[in-house]
Protein backbone atom coordinates (compact mmCIF):
# COMPACT_ATOMS: atom_id res chain seq x y z
CA MET A 1 0.00 0.00 0.00
CA HIS A 2 1.32 3.44 -1.00
CA THR A 3 1.29 6.18 1.68
CA ARG A 4 0.80 9.94 1.19
CA ASN A 5 1.23 12.49 3.95
CA ASP A 6 0.86 15.86 2.29
CA GLU A 7 -1.48 18.83 2.09
CA ILE A 8 -3.64 19.00 -1.04
CA ASP A 9 -5.56 22.11 -2.06
CA GLY A 10 -8.34 20.31 -3.93
CA GLY A 11 -9.38 16.70 -4.39
CA LEU A 12 -7.64 13.35 -4.60
CA LEU A 13 -8.39 10.40 -6.92
CA VAL A 14 -7.65 6.93 -5.50
CA GLU A 15 -7.27 4.24 -8.17
CA GLY A 16 -5.18 1.66 -6.29
CA GLU A 17 -4.30 1.04 -2.64
CA LEU A 18 -3.51 4.19 -0.68
CA GLU A 19 -3.06 5.26 2.92
CA PHE A 20 -3.72 9.00 3.08
CA ALA A 21 -2.40 10.60 6.26
CA GLY A 22 -2.45 14.17 5.01
CA PHE A 23 -5.05 16.90 4.57
CA THR A 24 -7.19 17.72 1.55
CA THR A 25 -9.63 20.58 1.04
CA GLY A 26 -11.58 18.67 -1.60
CA THR A 27 -13.23 15.33 -2.20
CA VAL A 28 -11.31 12.07 -1.96
CA HIS A 29 -12.74 9.89 -4.75
CA VAL A 30 -12.25 6.11 -4.40
CA THR A 31 -12.79 4.32 -7.71
CA ALA A 32 -14.08 0.76 -8.27
CA GLY A 33 -11.45 -1.78 -7.23
CA ALA A 34 -9.50 0.76 -5.14
CA THR A 35 -8.89 0.79 -1.38
CA LEU A 36 -8.30 3.83 0.83
CA LEU A 37 -7.09 3.90 4.42
CA LEU A 38 -7.81 7.44 5.59
CA THR A 39 -5.81 8.38 8.68
CA GLY A 40 -5.71 12.07 7.83
CA THR A 41 -8.44 14.61 7.01
CA ALA A 42 -10.65 15.03 3.96
CA ALA A 43 -13.42 17.52 3.20
CA ASP A 44 -15.64 14.84 1.59
CA LEU A 45 -15.32 11.17 0.64
CA LEU A 46 -16.91 9.55 -2.43
CA ILE A 47 -16.72 5.77 -2.79
CA GLU A 48 -17.80 4.21 -6.08
CA PRO A 49 -19.47 0.78 -6.23
CA GLY A 50 -16.66 -1.76 -5.92
CA GLY A 51 -14.48 0.68 -3.96
CA ARG A 52 -13.52 0.36 -0.30
CA ALA A 53 -12.54 2.84 2.40
CA ILE A 54 -11.48 2.55 6.02
CA VAL A 55 -11.84 5.87 7.84
CA ARG A 56 -9.63 6.16 10.92
CA GLY A 57 -9.20 9.91 10.52
CA THR A 58 -11.73 12.66 9.81
CA VAL A 59 -14.16 13.48 7.01
CA SER A 60 -15.43 16.96 7.85
CA GLY A 61 -18.27 16.82 5.33
CA ALA A 62 -20.14 13.93 3.74
CA VAL A 63 -19.26 10.30 3.09
CA MET A 64 -21.10 9.33 -0.11
CA ASN A 65 -20.84 5.56 -0.15
CA GLY A 66 -21.61 3.40 -3.15
CA GLY A 67 -19.16 0.67 -2.10
CA LYS A 68 -17.92 -0.44 1.30
CA VAL A 69 -16.84 1.83 4.14
CA GLU A 70 -15.71 1.07 7.67
CA ILE A 71 -15.80 4.10 9.97
CA HIS A 72 -13.59 4.22 13.06
CA GLY A 73 -13.01 7.98 13.12
CA MET A 74 -15.17 11.11 12.82
CA VAL A 75 -17.39 11.98 9.87
CA GLY A 76 -20.18 14.41 9.03
CA ASN A 77 -23.10 12.89 7.13
CA VAL A 78 -23.06 9.35 5.74
CA VAL A 79 -25.16 8.59 2.66
CA ASP A 80 -25.38 5.11 1.11
CA THR A 81 -25.89 5.88 -2.57
CA GLY A 82 -26.86 2.45 -3.92
CA PRO A 83 -28.18 -1.00 -3.08
CA ALA A 84 -24.67 -2.51 -2.92
CA ALA A 85 -23.43 0.06 -0.39
CA SER A 86 -22.25 -1.24 2.96
CA THR A 87 -21.47 1.06 5.89
CA GLN A 88 -20.00 -0.29 9.13
CA LEU A 89 -19.86 2.00 12.16
CA MET A 90 -17.25 0.77 14.57
CA PRO A 91 -17.57 1.32 18.37
CA ASN A 92 -15.42 4.50 18.44
CA ALA A 93 -16.99 6.06 15.33
CA VAL A 94 -18.52 9.54 15.57
CA VAL A 95 -21.15 10.66 13.04
CA ARG A 96 -21.86 14.37 13.57
CA GLY A 97 -24.67 14.55 11.02
CA ASN A 98 -27.17 12.17 9.49
CA LEU A 99 -26.82 8.51 8.58
CA LEU A 100 -28.92 7.97 5.47
């Protein structure tokens, strides 16, 4: 798994396996077949069907989940966007908004 620990002014496209420990002001977009381990901070998170994310850090805005997401950290709203979406809230997870 590749690791990035930088500050991004804008979004980030994940097309493979990535641990992101940095900060981004935009949307982190996880494509089908990709895996993200988020230990840093993102404004928003978009997971396509077939994509996977593990959130141990913070998503200050929305998690738009069409794939699989495991939330251990803090997020705003969580929206499952399709019938194949799977959201797991772990015991330490904090959802500050709505879970839809």
